Amino acid sequence: MEINKNSLQYKNAQKRVKDIKGFYVHLLVYLFINIAIFIVSTRDEGFINGLSDIWNYSTAFFWGIGLFAHWASVFGPNVLLGKDWEERKIKELMDKEKNKTWE
């Protein structure tokens, strides 16, 4: 099967791969930073005190909300705008532009 790099399907697949890769990079950074925060806080405060300090979990919690939103935008159902909303909107705008007349 020959791949046409100029086709709409190829460009959509390429964008999808870029979005998935972006999520995984985000996930790895999230894990790395939060593990580092955990290690530093338990080292400075002692293991038991570090585990019991609620502020050590705040970054993971709030960033986790953002990470969940990123996951939902990449893998989750497109609840808000529908499955093919973007393509329908592009066609609608192209049709409006095509129907414009110079008067």
C-alpha atoms as a PDB file:
ATOM      1  CA  MET A   1       0.000   0.000   0.000  1.00  0.00           C
ATOM      2  CA  GLU A   2       1.428   3.323  -1.071  1.00  0.00           C
ATOM      3  CA  ILE A   3       1.147   6.220   1.346  1.00  0.00           C
ATOM      4  CA  ASN A   4       0.061   9.554  -0.044  1.00  0.00           C
ATOM      5  CA  LYS A   5       1.540  12.111   2.337  1.00  0.00           C
ATOM      6  CA  ASN A   6      -0.667  14.850   0.905  1.00  0.00           C
ATOM      7  CA  SER A   7      -3.956  13.077   1.570  1.00  0.00           C
ATOM      8  CA  LEU A   8      -6.366  14.247   4.222  1.00  0.00           C
ATOM      9  CA  GLN A   9      -6.332  10.798   5.852  1.00  0.00           C
ATOM     10  CA  TYR A  10      -2.557  10.896   6.201  1.00  0.00           C
ATOM     11  CA  LYS A  11      -2.605  14.402   7.680  1.00  0.00           C
ATOM     12  CA  ASN A  12      -5.350  13.394  10.148  1.00  0.00           C
ATOM     13  CA  ALA A  13      -3.396  10.284  11.167  1.00  0.00           C
ATOM     14  CA  GLN A  14      -0.227  12.338  11.513  1.00  0.00           C
ATOM     15  CA  LYS A  15      -2.027  14.832  13.789  1.00  0.00           C
ATOM     16  CA  ARG A  16      -3.483  11.981  15.846  1.00  0.00           C
ATOM     17  CA  VAL A  17      -0.024  10.429  16.349  1.00  0.00           C
ATOM     18  CA  LYS A  18       1.347  13.834  17.365  1.00  0.00           C
ATOM     19  CA  ASP A  19      -1.490  14.250  19.910  1.00  0.00           C
ATOM     20  CA  ILE A  20      -0.897  10.771  21.368  1.00  0.00           C
ATOM     21  CA  LYS A  21       2.845  11.377  21.603  1.00  0.00           C
ATOM     22  CA  GLY A  22       2.197  14.712  23.324  1.00  0.00           C
ATOM     23  CA  PHE A  23       0.039  12.997  25.939  1.00  0.00           C
ATOM     24  CA  TYR A  24       2.675  10.360  26.677  1.00  0.00           C
ATOM     25  CA  VAL A  25       5.376  13.022  27.036  1.00  0.00           C
ATOM     26  CA  HIS A  26       3.062  14.912  29.411  1.00  0.00           C
ATOM     27  CA  LEU A  27       2.496  11.713  31.413  1.00  0.00           C
ATOM     28  CA  LEU A  28       6.240  10.992  31.687  1.00  0.00           C
ATOM     29  CA  VAL A  29       7.008  14.544  32.832  1.00  0.00           C
ATOM     30  CA  TYR A  30       4.152  14.313  35.374  1.00  0.00           C
ATOM     31  CA  LEU A  31       5.528  11.061  36.783  1.00  0.00           C
ATOM     32  CA  PHE A  32       9.142  12.258  36.866  1.00  0.00           C
ATOM     33  CA  ILE A  33       8.386  15.582  38.572  1.00  0.00           C
ATOM     34  CA  ASN A  34       5.985  14.114  41.121  1.00  0.00           C
ATOM     35  CA  ILE A  35       8.376  11.294  42.025  1.00  0.00           C
ATOM     36  CA  ALA A  36      11.122  13.901  42.459  1.00  0.00           C
ATOM     37  CA  ILE A  37       8.846  16.001  44.696  1.00  0.00           C
ATOM     38  CA  PHE A  38       8.024  12.913  46.762  1.00  0.00           C
ATOM     39  CA  ILE A  39      11.687  11.941  47.143  1.00  0.00           C
ATOM     40  CA  VAL A  40      12.777  15.454  48.136  1.00  0.00           C
ATOM     41  CA  SER A  41       9.917  15.944  50.600  1.00  0.00           C
ATOM     42  CA  THR A  42      10.412  12.591  52.327  1.00  0.00           C
ATOM     43  CA  ARG A  43      14.165  13.141  52.491  1.00  0.00           C
ATOM     44  CA  ASP A  44      13.861  16.621  54.010  1.00  0.00           C
ATOM     45  CA  GLU A  45      10.962  15.914  56.372  1.00  0.00           C
ATOM     46  CA  GLY A  46      11.573  12.256  57.100  1.00  0.00           C
ATOM     47  CA  PHE A  47       9.699   9.438  55.441  1.00  0.00           C
ATOM     48  CA  ILE A  48       6.676   9.345  57.763  1.00  0.00           C
ATOM     49  CA  ASN A  49       6.310  13.137  57.974  1.00  0.00           C
ATOM     50  CA  GLY A  50       6.734  13.430  54.217  1.00  0.00           C
ATOM     51  CA  LEU A  51       3.948  10.915  53.634  1.00  0.00           C
ATOM     52  CA  SER A  52       1.602  12.638  56.056  1.00  0.00           C
ATOM     53  CA  ASP A  53       2.111  16.185  54.734  1.00  0.00           C
ATOM     54  CA  ILE A  54      -0.893  16.919  52.504  1.00  0.00           C
ATOM     55  CA  TRP A  55       0.929  19.674  50.603  1.00  0.00           C
ATOM     56  CA  ASN A  56       3.254  17.086  49.088  1.00  0.00           C
ATOM     57  CA  TYR A  57       0.253  15.723  47.182  1.00  0.00           C
ATOM     58  CA  SER A  58      -1.170  19.037  45.973  1.00  0.00           C
ATOM     59  CA  THR A  59       1.001  19.247  42.856  1.00  0.00           C
ATOM     60  CA  ALA A  60       0.146  15.687  41.851  1.00  0.00           C
ATOM     61  CA  PHE A  61      -3.553  16.299  42.495  1.00  0.00           C
ATOM     62  CA  PHE A  62      -3.991  19.558  40.585  1.00  0.00           C
ATOM     63  CA  TRP A  63      -1.633  18.601  37.788  1.00  0.00           C
ATOM     64  CA  GLY A  64      -3.450  15.262  37.654  1.00  0.00           C
ATOM     65  CA  ILE A  65      -6.669  17.119  36.861  1.00  0.00           C
ATOM     66  CA  GLY A  66      -4.919  18.749  33.918  1.00  0.00           C
ATOM     67  CA  LEU A  67      -3.435  15.415  32.880  1.00  0.00           C
ATOM     68  CA  PHE A  68      -6.897  13.841  32.956  1.00  0.00           C
ATOM     69  CA  ALA A  69      -8.223  16.653  30.754  1.00  0.00           C
ATOM     70  CA  HIS A  70      -5.339  16.045  28.327  1.00  0.00           C
ATOM     71  CA  TRP A  71      -6.125  12.316  28.306  1.00  0.00           C
ATOM     72  CA  ALA A  72      -9.806  13.023  27.652  1.00  0.00           C
ATOM     73  CA  SER A  73      -8.954  15.293  24.719  1.00  0.00           C
ATOM     74  CA  VAL A  74      -6.727  12.628  23.149  1.00  0.00           C
ATOM     75  CA  PHE A  75      -8.394   9.307  24.008  1.00  0.00           C
ATOM     76  CA  GLY A  76     -11.769  10.102  25.507  1.00  0.00           C
ATOM     77  CA  PRO A  77     -15.029  10.513  23.667  1.00  0.00           C
ATOM     78  CA  ASN A  78     -15.522  13.906  22.146  1.00  0.00           C
ATOM     79  CA  VAL A  79     -18.622  14.582  24.234  1.00  0.00           C
ATOM     80  CA  LEU A  80     -18.782  18.336  23.934  1.00  0.00           C
ATOM     81  CA  LEU A  81     -18.455  18.856  20.193  1.00  0.00           C
ATOM     82  CA  GLY A  82     -19.296  15.453  18.730  1.00  0.00           C
ATOM     83  CA  LYS A  83     -17.270  12.973  16.759  1.00  0.00           C
ATOM     84  CA  ASP A  84     -16.773  14.780  13.456  1.00  0.00           C
ATOM     85  CA  TRP A  85     -17.466  18.335  14.574  1.00  0.00           C
ATOM     86  CA  GLU A  86     -14.144  19.694  13.358  1.00  0.00           C
ATOM     87  CA  GLU A  87     -14.551  18.305   9.838  1.00  0.00           C
ATOM     88  CA  ARG A  88     -18.166  19.508   9.617  1.00  0.00           C
ATOM     89  CA  LYS A  89     -17.128  22.992  10.735  1.00  0.00           C
ATOM     90  CA  ILE A  90     -14.324  23.146   8.158  1.00  0.00           C
ATOM     91  CA  LYS A  91     -16.759  22.151   5.392  1.00  0.00           C
ATOM     92  CA  GLU A  92     -19.282  24.727   6.616  1.00  0.00           C
ATOM     93  CA  LEU A  93     -16.714  27.527   6.581  1.00  0.00           C
ATOM     94  CA  MET A  94     -15.431  26.484   3.158  1.00  0.00           C
ATOM     95  CA  ASP A  95     -18.994  26.498   1.786  1.00  0.00           C
ATOM     96  CA  LYS A  96     -19.619  29.971   3.218  1.00  0.00           C
ATOM     97  CA  GLU A  97     -16.438  31.249   1.616  1.00  0.00           C
ATOM     98  CA  LYS A  98     -17.320  29.629  -1.709  1.00  0.00           C
ATOM     99  CA  ASN A  99     -20.789  31.187  -1.713  1.00  0.00           C
ATOM    100  CA  LYS A 100     -19.521  34.712  -1.064  1.00  0.00           C
ATOM    101  CA  THR A 101     -19.993  36.991  -4.011  1.00  0.00           C
ATOM    102  CA  TRP A 102     -18.450  40.316  -4.757  1.00  0.00           C
ATOM    103  CA  GLU A 103     -21.292  42.780  -5.052  1.00  0.00           C
END
